[in-house]
Each structure stands twice: as structure tokens, then as C-alpha cells.
Amino acid sequence: MKLDCSRPDFAVQSRKSNLDWSTDELEIKIEQQNFQAHTWVRLLELPNPYSFDEALLLCPISQYEWIAWIPDHGEAVVTTEQFRRI
């Protein structure tokens, strides 16, 4: 039996994409100091595979941690290394 791979209904295994959008590490470190509440940010690490890749910063907990609201996930504590400006 020969497998016909040209058929449109042929199942292909999906691959996870790399969600690391950081381009310049120095640029991200500089931006980390300027975050404000009520700002949308891009998540570099998703809390679960079904959540959005963006979050709304609600309030800072410390210099490096924020409480954020993530659509389809809810509130979460994120560190400044886990997100960047959109």
C-alpha cells in the first residue's frame, strides 16, 4: 500500500511554535523599568496553552513582579522577564 501525501485531508502533525519574540535583550531590560498599570503587554511565556499571548498589567507587586489579567486565564503574577511592550 502506498501512502498518498498529496491529498488535502492528509493529517499532518502540528509543531509548537517558538513564542520568544525578544529581539534585543538590552532593549527589554531597559523597557522593564518603564511599565505602567493599565498597559497591554505581550507574554513571552503562556500560563496555559489556551490563554491569550497578551495581558493587561493591573498593579505592581515589586520592582520585578506585576499582577496581570490574561484573557481566557484570569489574574496571574508575572515577572518583568515574562513579558514585553507591544
Protein backbone atom coordinates (compact mmCIF):
# COMPACT_ATOMS: atom_id res chain seq x y z
CA MET A 1 0.00 0.00 0.00
CA LYS A 2 1.35 3.41 -0.96
CA LEU A 3 0.62 6.49 1.17
CA ASP A 4 -0.63 9.47 -0.86
CA CYS A 5 0.67 12.63 0.86
CA SER A 6 -0.78 15.00 -1.74
CA ARG A 7 -4.37 14.50 -0.59
CA PRO A 8 -5.80 17.62 1.15
CA ASP A 9 -7.26 15.59 4.02
CA PHE A 10 -3.88 14.04 4.90
CA ALA A 11 -3.19 14.53 8.61
CA VAL A 12 -0.01 16.41 9.48
CA GLN A 13 1.37 16.58 12.98
CA SER A 14 1.43 20.16 14.25
CA ARG A 15 4.52 21.63 15.82
CA LYS A 16 4.75 24.09 18.67
CA SER A 17 5.98 27.46 17.55
CA ASN A 18 8.67 29.30 19.40
CA LEU A 19 6.97 32.18 21.23
CA ASP A 20 10.18 34.03 22.04
CA TRP A 21 9.70 37.43 20.41
CA SER A 22 12.62 39.10 22.20
CA THR A 23 14.94 40.68 19.68
CA ASP A 24 17.35 42.61 21.80
CA GLU A 25 17.99 41.58 25.39
CA LEU A 26 19.32 45.02 26.34
CA GLU A 27 16.23 46.74 24.91
CA ILE A 28 13.96 44.51 27.01
CA LYS A 29 15.92 45.24 30.21
CA ILE A 30 15.61 49.00 29.59
CA GLU A 31 11.86 48.71 28.95
CA GLN A 32 11.29 46.69 32.12
CA GLN A 33 11.77 49.79 34.24
CA ASN A 34 9.05 51.81 32.46
CA PHE A 35 5.90 49.66 32.79
CA GLN A 36 2.67 51.26 33.98
CA ALA A 37 -0.66 49.92 35.15
CA HIS A 38 -3.44 49.52 32.54
CA THR A 39 -0.88 48.69 29.82
CA TRP A 40 -1.23 45.73 27.46
CA VAL A 41 1.92 43.63 27.13
CA ARG A 42 2.96 40.60 25.04
CA LEU A 43 3.59 37.46 27.09
CA LEU A 44 6.78 35.57 26.36
CA GLU A 45 5.62 32.62 28.49
CA LEU A 46 1.99 31.48 28.38
CA PRO A 47 0.39 30.36 31.67
CA ASN A 48 -1.52 27.66 29.78
CA PRO A 49 -1.75 26.62 26.12
CA TYR A 50 -5.26 28.07 25.75
CA SER A 51 -4.64 31.56 27.13
CA PHE A 52 -4.00 34.65 25.06
CA ASP A 53 -0.45 35.83 24.45
CA GLU A 54 -1.27 39.31 25.75
CA ALA A 55 -2.01 40.56 29.26
CA LEU A 56 -3.25 43.73 30.93
CA LEU A 57 -0.99 44.93 33.74
CA LEU A 58 -3.09 45.75 36.81
CA CYS A 59 -0.68 46.72 39.57
CA PRO A 60 2.94 46.17 40.58
CA ILE A 61 3.78 43.84 43.45
CA SER A 62 7.50 44.59 43.47
CA GLN A 63 10.11 46.04 41.14
CA TYR A 64 10.05 42.87 39.01
CA GLU A 65 6.53 41.44 39.54
CA TRP A 66 3.08 42.54 38.39
CA ILE A 67 -0.47 41.30 38.80
CA ALA A 68 -1.87 40.95 35.29
CA TRP A 69 -5.18 39.91 33.77
CA ILE A 70 -4.81 37.38 30.94
CA PRO A 71 -7.84 36.68 28.71
CA ASP A 72 -9.00 33.05 28.94
CA HIS A 73 -6.88 32.58 32.06
CA GLY A 74 -7.67 35.24 34.67
CA GLU A 75 -5.36 37.04 37.05
CA ALA A 76 -1.76 35.94 37.39
CA VAL A 77 1.50 37.14 38.86
CA VAL A 78 4.04 37.74 36.09
CA THR A 79 7.63 38.86 36.27
CA THR A 80 9.03 41.56 34.01
CA GLU A 81 11.13 38.89 32.27
CA GLN A 82 7.94 37.11 31.13
CA PHE A 83 6.56 39.96 29.01
CA ARG A 84 7.47 42.92 26.81
CA ARG A 85 5.76 46.02 25.46
CA ILE A 86 3.51 45.62 22.45
